[in-house]
Amino acid sequence: MISKIHCTAIKGIDGFLVSVETDVSAGLPTFSIVGLPDTEVKESKDRVASAIRNSGFSFPLKKITVNLSPAKIKKSGSHYDLAIAIGILSATNQLSENAKEKISTSVFVAELGLDGHIKPASGILPMLMAIKEGKGKQINSVFLSYDNLNEAIISKTQPFCPISLKDLVYFLEGNLTADKLLNTTAAISNEEEKLEVHGLDFSEVKGQSLAKRALEIAAAGSHNILLSGPPGTGKSMLAKRFNTILPPLTHDEALEITRVYSVCNLLGKTKFMDERPFRDPHHTISDIALVGGGSNPRPGEVTLAHNGVLFLDEFAEFSRASLEVLRQPMESFNVTISRAKESVNFPSKFTLIAAMNPCPCGHNGQAERMCRCTPAQINRYKGKISGPLLDRIDLAINLNPVKYGDWKKLSEGESSTNIKERVVKARDIQVERFKNSKTTANAFMTNKEMKQFCKLPDDAGSVLENAMRKLGLSARSLDKILKTARTIADLEGEPDIKSSHIIEVFQYRTMDRKGVAE
């Protein structure tokens, strides 16, 4: 006999409906799963068999074939267990006709323990969102683990959360009331919790006023920035306080981030990602771990930093291959992972903060300390950062050692709260500006939007023409200069870009003068 059960799956960070078709027929006892299952899915055979037996049901000693449709898309994960188990029970007539009618309009998404206990699965949020968005119009009920309840609430889904396979069958047979499986009172959204106080503030950074101003501009327009300077000048300190001046997430942005972290099983106890992510990978990271990939494509650090910050400390210590793969996501704001049978897209709209020393020893250009590096070592060190990659960075700042007078000052500098107020006002202007498009900040403007919102003042054409001729600027560099000038105008509340805004941008582009920030 054949049964058909509904489950869900993930492609990239999007969910889609999967039909779990189960056929139990006479023949030698075998259990096969088809439909491009990976190792995790194939291993469900042993889990399902033990769960059925240990829950008091009969596991058939017959030929069992499970087909996961559509068969052309690769299936991964352990969340098919529950659907396969219910399919076997239905195909062997261990469920009543009333129960079979209920399961025909239900989705089952959970892993099974050997004792029949229902366990959580990763990627529940995008799966449920796919059902809510109409990809599962015939679905009336969703069954999943209680540990996934928070993600269900975020997707505005009211699921049933049985503790075990036995409880689920009791409910389907009408021997357990619905209120026993609707335990929504225990889930509390992050909106009802106090945000964790991180204790970081820009006022703690001594001196470096130019770098602080550049980071304020970067936060206001989501511009990429490179910080270069000797060790101990505050590069990492500034970068780690960058999140304290960023504007709060919109609901749509938070939902996008939560979907990504749900797929990667990184939500943990967090119920909703209501803070911008700050990713800080070590410089030994591989290119696949940075942008995503693998035989079964998974998101990388650039996607985990979506709508947030990707901080690459010791920028020139990263492998050349790892740095070069950043070029496409920095330009198109998404990553496309192509394999022989499928292509997957991951979002990657992040702000890059890179920090590096001027040379391997860190003291090139300092009068107080002698540099021990040879010219060849310095060129090789800086050579890891290619011209095309540098061309995608909006701002570059040289940080000098903090002077004793600044270090000993008792008075604190400007707080993150004050800086954030200006950043939020500038972002509010951008939200209004781009209300009819998908653009969220000046750095992400399209060419059409630039023509509309980044009109040159009459006296600025000669400035840019001279800069392009003398500094060898590319068209992309000029675009980034205009986008940054637009952000400076927003910070000052100016409706139009002025020449002073463009001139200020050149203060934060040391890479135009020397090729690589020094």
Protein backbone atom coordinates (compact mmCIF):
# COMPACT_ATOMS: atom_id res chain seq x y z
CA MET A 1 0.00 0.00 0.00
CA ILE A 2 1.17 3.54 -0.75
CA SER A 3 0.91 6.59 1.51
CA LYS A 4 1.76 10.21 0.81
CA ILE A 5 2.96 12.50 3.61
CA HIS A 6 4.06 16.14 3.44
CA CYS A 7 7.40 17.41 4.69
CA THR A 8 9.52 20.46 3.87
CA ALA A 9 13.09 21.08 2.72
CA ILE A 10 15.61 23.88 2.23
CA LYS A 11 17.30 25.17 -0.89
CA GLY A 12 19.69 27.96 0.01
CA ILE A 13 17.67 29.80 2.65
CA ASP A 14 14.29 29.21 1.01
CA GLY A 15 11.90 26.42 1.93
CA PHE A 16 9.77 24.25 -0.32
CA LEU A 17 7.29 21.40 0.12
CA VAL A 18 8.40 17.77 -0.23
CA SER A 19 6.14 14.77 -0.71
CA VAL A 20 7.24 11.68 1.20
CA GLU A 21 5.75 8.75 -0.71
CA THR A 22 5.96 5.38 1.06
CA ASP A 23 5.30 2.00 -0.54
CA VAL A 24 5.21 -1.19 1.56
CA SER A 25 4.94 -4.33 -0.55
CA ALA A 26 5.67 -8.06 -0.40
CA GLY A 27 9.25 -9.12 -0.90
CA LEU A 28 12.55 -9.48 0.90
CA PRO A 29 12.83 -7.13 3.91
CA THR A 30 14.54 -4.01 2.55
CA PHE A 31 14.30 -0.31 3.36
CA SER A 32 15.41 2.12 0.66
CA ILE A 33 15.07 5.90 0.33
CA VAL A 34 15.22 7.48 -3.12
CA GLY A 35 14.92 11.05 -4.40
CA LEU A 36 18.53 12.29 -4.08
CA PRO A 37 18.91 11.77 -0.31
CA ASP A 38 22.27 12.53 1.31
CA THR A 39 23.88 10.52 4.12
CA GLU A 40 21.84 12.22 6.86
CA VAL A 41 18.59 11.25 5.14
CA LYS A 42 19.71 7.69 4.44
CA GLU A 43 20.61 7.22 8.11
CA SER A 44 16.99 7.94 9.03
CA LYS A 45 16.16 4.31 8.16
CA ASP A 46 17.67 3.01 11.39
CA ARG A 47 16.25 5.83 13.51
CA VAL A 48 12.75 5.38 12.09
CA ALA A 49 12.75 1.59 12.49
CA SER A 50 13.84 1.79 16.14
CA ALA A 51 11.43 4.65 16.91
CA ILE A 52 8.46 2.71 15.49
CA ARG A 53 9.29 -0.46 17.44
CA ASN A 54 10.07 1.35 20.71
CA SER A 55 6.82 3.33 20.45
CA GLY A 56 4.78 0.11 20.54
CA PHE A 57 4.01 -0.15 16.82
CA SER A 58 4.88 -2.85 14.32
CA PHE A 59 7.71 -2.34 11.85
CA PRO A 60 6.96 -4.33 8.67
CA LEU A 61 9.41 -6.99 7.54
CA LYS A 62 8.65 -6.24 3.90
CA LYS A 63 10.03 -4.24 1.02
CA ILE A 64 9.81 -0.54 1.99
CA THR A 65 10.47 2.17 -0.58
CA VAL A 66 10.38 5.85 0.36
CA ASN A 67 10.47 8.46 -2.41
CA LEU A 68 11.23 12.11 -1.65
CA SER A 69 9.63 14.21 -4.36
CA PRO A 70 10.65 16.33 -6.26
CA ALA A 71 13.43 13.83 -6.90
CA LYS A 72 15.62 16.24 -8.91
CA ILE A 73 16.53 18.35 -5.83
CA LYS A 74 19.05 16.99 -3.35
CA LYS A 75 17.64 16.35 0.15
CA SER A 76 19.64 16.77 3.33
CA GLY A 77 18.96 16.86 7.05
CA SER A 78 17.37 14.63 9.67
CA HIS A 79 13.96 16.34 9.69
CA TYR A 80 12.39 13.75 7.34
CA ASP A 81 12.28 11.13 10.14
CA LEU A 82 8.82 11.95 11.43
CA ALA A 83 7.21 12.08 7.98
CA ILE A 84 8.79 8.75 7.00
CA ALA A 85 7.61 7.11 10.24
CA ILE A 86 4.02 8.35 9.79
CA GLY A 87 4.16 7.24 6.14
CA ILE A 88 5.11 3.69 7.16
CA LEU A 89 2.40 3.53 9.82
CA SER A 90 -0.16 4.75 7.28
CA ALA A 91 0.99 2.37 4.52
CA THR A 92 0.76 -0.61 6.89
CA ASN A 93 -2.77 0.36 8.04
CA GLN A 94 -1.70 1.04 11.62
CA LEU A 95 -3.61 4.33 11.39
CA SER A 96 -7.38 4.67 11.13
CA GLU A 97 -9.11 6.28 8.15
CA ASN A 98 -9.81 9.35 10.29
CA ALA A 99 -6.11 9.68 11.09
CA LYS A 100 -5.18 9.21 7.41
CA GLU A 101 -7.53 12.03 6.47
CA LYS A 102 -5.80 14.35 8.97
CA ILE A 103 -2.27 13.56 7.78
CA SER A 104 -3.19 14.27 4.14
CA THR A 105 -3.39 18.00 4.97
CA SER A 106 -0.52 18.10 7.49
CA VAL A 107 3.23 18.69 7.44
CA PHE A 108 5.60 16.67 9.63
CA VAL A 109 9.06 18.14 10.26
CA ALA A 110 11.19 16.62 13.03
CA GLU A 111 13.98 14.22 13.86
CA LEU A 112 13.21 11.06 15.81
CA GLY A 113 15.15 9.57 18.66
CA LEU A 114 15.51 5.79 18.90
CA ASP A 115 12.89 5.79 21.67
CA GLY A 116 10.40 7.69 19.51
CA HIS A 117 11.07 11.06 21.15
CA ILE A 118 10.53 14.00 18.74
CA LYS A 119 13.64 16.16 18.38
CA PRO A 120 14.20 19.63 16.84
CA ALA A 121 15.41 20.28 13.30
CA SER A 122 17.38 23.15 11.77
CA GLY A 123 15.94 25.53 9.18
CA ILE A 124 12.38 25.42 10.51
CA LEU A 125 11.71 29.14 10.01
CA PRO A 126 12.20 29.28 6.20
CA MET A 127 10.34 25.98 5.86
CA LEU A 128 7.29 27.33 7.68
CA MET A 129 7.50 30.66 5.85
CA ALA A 130 7.30 28.78 2.56
CA ILE A 131 4.04 27.19 3.73
CA LYS A 132 2.68 30.57 4.86
CA GLU A 133 3.62 32.17 1.54
CA GLY A 134 1.38 29.73 -0.33
CA LYS A 135 3.79 26.99 -1.37
CA GLY A 136 1.68 24.56 0.66
CA LYS A 137 -1.91 25.74 0.10
CA GLN A 138 -3.36 22.36 1.00
CA ILE A 139 -1.69 22.35 4.43
CA ASN A 140 -3.85 22.88 7.53
CA SER A 141 -1.61 21.55 10.33
CA VAL A 142 2.10 21.50 11.14
CA PHE A 143 3.74 19.02 13.51
CA LEU A 144 7.22 19.70 14.86
CA SER A 145 9.35 19.56 18.01
CA TYR A 146 8.53 21.80 20.95
CA ASP A 147 12.11 23.10 20.76
CA ASN A 148 11.29 24.66 17.37
CA LEU A 149 8.21 26.43 18.69
CA ASN A 150 9.84 29.87 18.82
CA GLU A 151 10.66 29.80 15.11
CA ALA A 152 7.08 28.78 14.39
CA ILE A 153 5.79 31.77 16.32
CA ILE A 154 8.10 34.10 14.36
CA SER A 155 6.62 32.72 11.12
CA LYS A 156 3.13 33.27 12.61
CA THR A 157 2.37 29.56 12.45
CA GLN A 158 0.39 27.71 15.12
CA PRO A 159 2.03 24.25 15.23
CA PHE A 160 1.28 21.09 17.14
CA CYS A 161 4.19 19.96 19.31
CA PRO A 162 3.89 16.32 20.38
CA ILE A 163 6.55 14.96 22.71
CA SER A 164 6.81 11.56 21.04
CA LEU A 165 5.67 9.52 18.07
CA LYS A 166 3.20 7.70 20.32
CA ASP A 167 1.60 10.99 21.45
CA LEU A 168 1.34 12.12 17.84
CA VAL A 169 -0.51 8.92 16.83
CA TYR A 170 -2.81 9.25 19.86
CA PHE A 171 -3.68 12.77 18.71
CA LEU A 172 -4.29 11.72 15.11
CA GLU A 173 -6.58 8.94 16.33
CA GLY A 174 -8.53 11.41 18.48
CA ASN A 175 -7.33 10.01 21.81
CA LEU A 176 -5.43 13.18 22.77
CA THR A 177 -6.95 16.67 22.79
CA ALA A 178 -5.40 19.47 20.75
CA ASP A 179 -4.70 21.66 23.80
CA LYS A 180 -2.11 19.10 24.94
CA LEU A 181 -0.02 19.81 21.86
CA LEU A 182 -0.49 23.60 21.67
CA ASN A 183 2.05 24.81 24.23
CA THR A 184 2.58 28.38 23.09
CA THR A 185 2.74 30.01 26.50
CA ALA A 186 6.30 28.89 27.13
CA ALA A 187 7.68 30.71 24.11
CA ILE A 188 8.65 34.34 24.67
CA SER A 189 9.77 36.55 21.83
CA ASN A 190 12.87 38.67 22.19
CA GLU A 191 10.70 41.78 22.10
CA GLU A 192 9.62 40.93 25.65
CA GLU A 193 13.18 40.44 26.85
CA LYS A 194 15.79 43.04 27.75
CA LEU A 195 18.59 43.31 25.26
CA GLU A 196 21.99 42.26 26.48
CA VAL A 197 24.25 45.20 27.32
CA HIS A 198 27.60 44.66 25.65
CA GLY A 199 29.46 47.42 27.51
CA LEU A 200 31.33 48.78 24.47
CA ASP A 201 31.34 52.47 23.60
CA PHE A 202 33.16 54.80 21.22
CA SER A 203 33.96 57.12 24.12
CA GLU A 204 36.51 54.55 25.31
CA VAL A 205 38.69 55.10 22.23
CA LYS A 206 41.34 57.75 22.80
CA GLY A 207 42.09 60.09 19.91
CA GLN A 208 41.63 58.86 16.31
CA SER A 209 39.02 61.50 15.50
CA LEU A 210 39.45 61.04 11.73
CA ALA A 211 38.85 57.29 11.99
CA LYS A 212 35.78 57.85 14.17
CA ARG A 213 34.35 60.23 11.61
CA ALA A 214 35.00 57.75 8.81
CA LEU A 215 33.29 54.96 10.76
CA GLU A 216 30.31 57.23 11.38
CA ILE A 217 30.02 57.78 7.62
CA ALA A 218 30.42 54.05 7.02
CA ALA A 219 27.62 53.28 9.49
CA ALA A 220 25.32 55.93 8.04
CA GLY A 221 25.62 54.63 4.48
CA SER A 222 26.77 51.02 4.99
CA HIS A 223 30.09 51.71 3.29
CA ASN A 224 33.04 49.32 3.32
CA ILE A 225 36.10 50.63 5.17
CA LEU A 226 39.77 49.70 5.55
CA LEU A 227 41.69 50.68 8.69
CA SER A 228 45.47 50.60 8.41
CA GLY A 229 48.04 51.40 11.07
CA PRO A 230 50.71 50.08 13.43
CA PRO A 231 49.79 47.65 16.22
CA GLY A 232 48.05 49.26 19.18
CA THR A 233 46.52 52.21 17.34
CA GLY A 234 42.95 51.07 18.03
CA LYS A 235 41.92 49.39 14.77
CA SER A 236 40.26 46.37 16.39
CA MET A 237 38.94 48.50 19.25
CA LEU A 238 37.14 50.80 16.82
CA ALA A 239 35.81 47.94 14.70
CA LYS A 240 34.36 46.08 17.68
CA ARG A 241 32.44 49.20 18.70
CA PHE A 242 31.03 49.75 15.22
CA ASN A 243 27.81 47.88 16.00
CA THR A 244 27.04 50.34 18.81
CA ILE A 245 26.46 53.14 16.28
CA LEU A 246 24.50 51.16 13.70
CA PRO A 247 20.77 51.83 13.27
CA PRO A 248 18.35 49.22 14.63
CA LEU A 249 17.17 46.46 12.35
CA THR A 250 13.85 46.72 10.58
CA HIS A 251 11.49 43.76 11.01
CA ASP A 252 12.17 42.52 7.48
CA GLU A 253 15.94 42.70 7.99
CA ALA A 254 15.70 40.83 11.30
CA LEU A 255 13.54 38.16 9.67
CA GLU A 256 16.09 37.67 6.87
CA ILE A 257 18.92 37.23 9.39
CA THR A 258 16.88 34.84 11.51
CA ARG A 259 16.17 32.69 8.44
CA VAL A 260 19.89 32.42 7.71
CA TYR A 261 20.78 31.49 11.29
CA SER A 262 17.91 29.01 11.41
CA VAL A 263 19.24 27.19 8.34
CA CYS A 264 22.72 27.09 9.90
CA ASN A 265 21.30 25.91 13.25
CA LEU A 266 22.93 28.87 15.02
CA LEU A 267 19.91 30.39 16.74
CA GLY A 268 20.53 28.51 20.00
CA LYS A 269 18.42 30.06 22.73
CA THR A 270 17.94 33.22 20.67
CA LYS A 271 14.38 33.43 19.45
CA PHE A 272 14.73 36.33 17.04
CA MET A 273 17.85 37.99 15.61
CA ASP A 274 17.02 41.56 16.58
CA GLU A 275 20.65 42.77 16.62
CA ARG A 276 22.90 43.19 13.61
CA PRO A 277 25.37 40.30 13.32
CA PHE A 278 29.08 40.95 13.80
CA ARG A 279 31.19 38.22 12.24
CA ASP A 280 34.92 38.11 13.02
CA PRO A 281 36.50 35.07 11.28
CA HIS A 282 40.15 34.18 11.82
CA HIS A 283 42.54 34.88 8.96
CA THR A 284 43.16 31.14 8.46
CA ILE A 285 39.58 30.68 7.19
CA SER A 286 39.14 28.92 3.85
CA ASP A 287 37.46 30.53 0.87
CA ILE A 288 34.54 28.06 1.12
CA ALA A 289 33.98 28.86 4.79
CA LEU A 290 34.08 32.56 3.95
CA VAL A 291 31.57 32.70 1.09
CA GLY A 292 29.80 29.35 1.46
CA GLY A 293 29.78 26.15 -0.54
CA GLY A 294 30.44 22.47 -0.03
CA SER A 295 28.90 19.44 -1.75
CA ASN A 296 25.62 20.43 -0.12
CA PRO A 297 25.93 24.24 -0.31
CA ARG A 298 25.83 25.98 3.05
CA PRO A 299 26.04 29.71 3.89
CA GLY A 300 29.46 31.16 4.67
CA GLU A 301 30.59 34.08 6.82
CA VAL A 302 29.50 36.68 4.25
CA THR A 303 25.94 35.39 4.52
CA LEU A 304 26.08 35.09 8.31
CA ALA A 305 27.05 38.80 8.25
CA HIS A 306 24.00 39.68 6.11
CA ASN A 307 22.52 43.04 7.21
CA GLY A 308 25.42 43.34 9.64
CA VAL A 309 29.20 43.59 9.78
CA LEU A 310 32.00 41.37 8.48
CA PHE A 311 35.21 42.27 10.32
CA LEU A 312 38.41 40.93 8.78
CA ASP A 313 41.27 41.63 11.18
CA GLU A 314 44.81 41.15 9.88
CA PHE A 315 43.39 41.67 6.38
CA ALA A 316 46.65 41.04 4.55
CA GLU A 317 47.17 37.75 6.43
CA PHE A 318 44.15 36.14 4.74
CA SER A 319 44.99 33.91 1.80
CA ARG A 320 44.79 35.50 -1.62
CA ALA A 321 42.10 32.99 -2.63
CA SER A 322 39.94 33.89 0.38
CA LEU A 323 40.18 37.61 -0.35
CA GLU A 324 39.45 37.29 -4.04
CA VAL A 325 36.19 35.40 -3.50
CA LEU A 326 34.88 38.48 -1.67
CA ARG A 327 34.74 40.49 -4.87
CA GLN A 328 31.46 39.08 -6.22
CA PRO A 329 29.39 39.30 -2.99
CA MET A 330 30.71 42.83 -2.35
CA GLU A 331 29.47 43.88 -5.78
CA SER A 332 26.19 41.99 -6.19
CA PHE A 333 25.27 41.57 -2.47
CA ASN A 334 24.59 37.85 -2.93
CA VAL A 335 26.57 34.65 -3.39
CA THR A 336 25.75 32.12 -6.09
CA ILE A 337 27.01 28.60 -5.42
CA SER A 338 26.77 26.44 -8.53
CA ARG A 339 26.98 22.67 -8.61
CA ALA A 340 26.39 20.15 -11.41
CA LYS A 341 22.72 19.63 -10.54
CA GLU A 342 21.75 22.85 -8.77
CA SER A 343 22.53 26.48 -8.15
CA VAL A 344 21.90 28.15 -4.80
CA ASN A 345 21.79 31.85 -3.92
CA PHE A 346 22.66 33.24 -0.49
CA PRO A 347 22.19 36.91 0.50
CA SER A 348 25.35 38.82 1.48
CA LYS A 349 24.50 42.49 2.00
CA PHE A 350 27.10 43.31 4.64
CA THR A 351 29.41 46.15 5.67
CA LEU A 352 33.07 45.17 5.45
CA ILE A 353 35.52 46.48 8.03
CA ALA A 354 39.07 45.42 7.25
CA ALA A 355 42.06 46.12 9.48
CA MET A 356 45.73 45.64 8.63
CA ASN A 357 49.25 46.67 9.51
CA PRO A 358 51.32 48.72 7.04
CA CYS A 359 53.86 45.88 6.78
CA PRO A 360 54.56 42.43 8.29
CA CYS A 361 56.32 43.89 11.35
CA GLY A 362 53.74 46.66 11.62
CA HIS A 363 56.05 49.69 11.87
CA ASN A 364 56.57 50.85 8.30
CA GLY A 365 56.44 54.63 8.08
CA GLN A 366 56.92 55.21 11.82
CA ALA A 367 59.63 57.64 12.84
CA GLU A 368 59.75 56.31 16.40
CA ARG A 369 60.30 52.63 15.55
CA MET A 370 62.40 51.13 12.80
CA CYS A 371 60.75 48.83 10.28
CA ARG A 372 62.56 45.50 9.92
CA CYS A 373 60.88 44.47 6.66
CA THR A 374 62.54 44.46 3.27
CA PRO A 375 60.84 46.19 0.31
CA ALA A 376 60.13 42.78 -1.19
CA GLN A 377 58.42 41.60 2.02
CA ILE A 378 56.30 44.76 2.15
CA ASN A 379 55.25 44.44 -1.49
CA ARG A 380 54.41 40.77 -1.04
CA TYR A 381 52.40 41.59 2.09
CA LYS A 382 50.36 44.32 0.40
CA GLY A 383 50.16 42.39 -2.84
CA LYS A 384 47.60 40.00 -1.34
CA ILE A 385 45.07 42.81 -1.62
CA SER A 386 44.40 43.13 -5.32
CA GLY A 387 43.38 46.28 -7.12
CA PRO A 388 39.88 45.01 -7.99
CA LEU A 389 39.24 44.16 -4.33
CA LEU A 390 40.56 47.52 -3.14
CA ASP A 391 38.35 49.19 -5.73
CA ARG A 392 35.31 47.81 -3.88
CA ILE A 393 36.27 49.52 -0.61
CA ASP A 394 34.71 52.96 -0.11
CA LEU A 395 36.89 54.38 2.67
CA ALA A 396 40.48 53.80 3.79
CA ILE A 397 42.04 55.43 6.85
CA ASN A 398 45.59 55.50 8.18
CA LEU A 399 45.71 55.40 11.97
CA ASN A 400 48.74 56.86 13.73
CA PRO A 401 49.89 55.95 17.26
CA VAL A 402 47.88 57.69 19.97
CA LYS A 403 49.69 60.64 21.47
CA TYR A 404 50.39 60.72 25.18
CA GLY A 405 48.27 63.85 25.58
CA ASP A 406 45.22 62.07 24.15
CA TRP A 407 45.89 58.90 26.14
CA LYS A 408 46.05 60.63 29.53
CA LYS A 409 42.89 62.71 29.04
CA LEU A 410 40.33 62.02 31.77
CA SER A 411 37.45 63.37 29.73
CA GLU A 412 35.79 60.83 27.49
CA GLY A 413 35.23 61.30 23.78
CA GLU A 414 31.87 61.39 22.06
CA SER A 415 29.66 58.48 23.09
CA SER A 416 28.20 55.85 20.79
CA THR A 417 24.73 57.12 21.72
CA ASN A 418 25.40 60.58 20.28
CA ILE A 419 26.99 59.21 17.12
CA LYS A 420 24.15 56.73 16.67
CA GLU A 421 21.57 59.53 16.80
CA ARG A 422 23.17 61.17 13.76
CA VAL A 423 23.50 57.83 11.98
CA VAL A 424 19.84 56.98 12.56
CA LYS A 425 18.73 60.38 11.24
CA ALA A 426 20.82 59.85 8.10
CA ARG A 427 19.39 56.34 7.63
CA ASP A 428 15.85 57.67 8.07
CA ILE A 429 16.50 60.01 5.16
CA GLN A 430 17.66 57.04 3.09
CA VAL A 431 14.64 54.94 4.06
CA GLU A 432 12.39 57.70 2.75
CA ARG A 433 14.54 58.12 -0.35
CA PHE A 434 14.45 54.42 -1.28
CA LYS A 435 10.93 53.63 -0.04
CA ASN A 436 9.87 52.41 -3.49
CA SER A 437 12.88 50.12 -4.07
CA LYS A 438 14.78 47.28 -2.43
CA THR A 439 17.76 49.54 -1.67
CA THR A 440 18.33 50.02 2.05
CA ALA A 441 21.36 52.34 2.19
CA ASN A 442 23.42 54.63 -0.03
CA ALA A 443 26.17 52.06 -0.55
CA PHE A 444 23.67 49.74 -2.27
CA MET A 445 22.32 52.29 -4.77
CA THR A 446 21.81 51.15 -8.34
CA ASN A 447 23.13 53.17 -11.30
CA LYS A 448 19.63 54.46 -11.97
CA GLU A 449 19.26 55.64 -8.37
CA MET A 450 22.67 57.32 -8.50
CA LYS A 451 21.63 59.38 -11.50
CA GLN A 452 18.58 60.50 -9.57
CA PHE A 453 20.02 61.12 -6.10
CA CYS A 454 23.75 61.82 -6.64
CA LYS A 455 23.72 64.78 -8.97
CA LEU A 456 27.03 66.61 -9.13
CA PRO A 457 27.19 70.26 -8.09
CA ASP A 458 28.25 72.63 -10.87
CA ASP A 459 31.72 73.26 -9.43
CA ALA A 460 32.57 69.61 -8.67
CA GLY A 461 33.09 68.26 -12.18
CA SER A 462 36.61 69.63 -12.49
CA VAL A 463 37.56 68.23 -9.06
CA LEU A 464 36.56 64.70 -10.02
CA GLU A 465 38.06 65.01 -13.51
CA ASN A 466 41.44 66.02 -12.08
CA ALA A 467 41.25 63.25 -9.48
CA MET A 468 40.41 60.66 -12.11
CA ARG A 469 43.29 61.78 -14.31
CA LYS A 470 45.97 62.21 -11.63
CA LEU A 471 45.04 59.29 -9.38
CA GLY A 472 43.93 56.87 -12.08
CA LEU A 473 40.49 56.34 -10.52
CA SER A 474 38.15 53.80 -12.08
CA ALA A 475 34.50 54.45 -12.83
CA ARG A 476 33.61 52.24 -9.85
CA SER A 477 35.78 54.43 -7.59
CA LEU A 478 33.99 57.56 -8.79
CA ASP A 479 30.65 55.91 -8.07
CA LYS A 480 31.76 55.06 -4.55
CA ILE A 481 33.00 58.60 -4.00
CA LEU A 482 29.59 59.97 -5.01
CA LYS A 483 27.73 57.47 -2.83
CA THR A 484 29.90 58.39 0.14
CA ALA A 485 29.41 62.10 -0.54
CA ARG A 486 25.65 61.46 -0.59
CA THR A 487 25.97 59.92 2.89
CA ILE A 488 27.94 62.90 4.21
CA ALA A 489 25.21 65.19 2.86
CA ASP A 490 22.60 63.06 4.65
CA LEU A 491 24.52 63.33 7.93
CA GLU A 492 24.46 67.11 7.54
CA GLY A 493 20.81 67.13 6.50
CA GLU A 494 21.62 68.58 3.08
CA PRO A 495 19.24 67.73 0.21
CA ASP A 496 22.03 67.97 -2.41
CA ILE A 497 25.67 66.95 -2.62
CA LYS A 498 28.10 69.86 -2.30
CA SER A 499 31.71 70.18 -3.38
CA SER A 500 32.79 70.20 0.27
CA HIS A 501 31.25 66.75 0.71
CA ILE A 502 33.23 65.36 -2.23
CA ILE A 503 36.45 66.97 -1.00
CA GLU A 504 35.89 65.42 2.44
CA VAL A 505 35.56 61.98 0.88
CA PHE A 506 39.10 62.20 -0.48
CA GLN A 507 40.39 62.50 3.10
CA TYR A 508 39.17 58.96 3.66
CA ARG A 509 40.60 57.38 0.51
CA THR A 510 44.31 56.88 1.17
CA MET A 511 44.34 53.90 -1.21
CA ASP A 512 43.81 56.29 -4.12
CA ARG A 513 47.07 58.07 -3.28
CA LYS A 514 49.32 55.06 -2.71
CA GLY A 515 47.54 52.04 -4.09
CA VAL A 516 47.15 50.36 -0.70
CA ALA A 517 46.46 52.12 2.60
CA GLU A 518 49.70 52.61 4.49
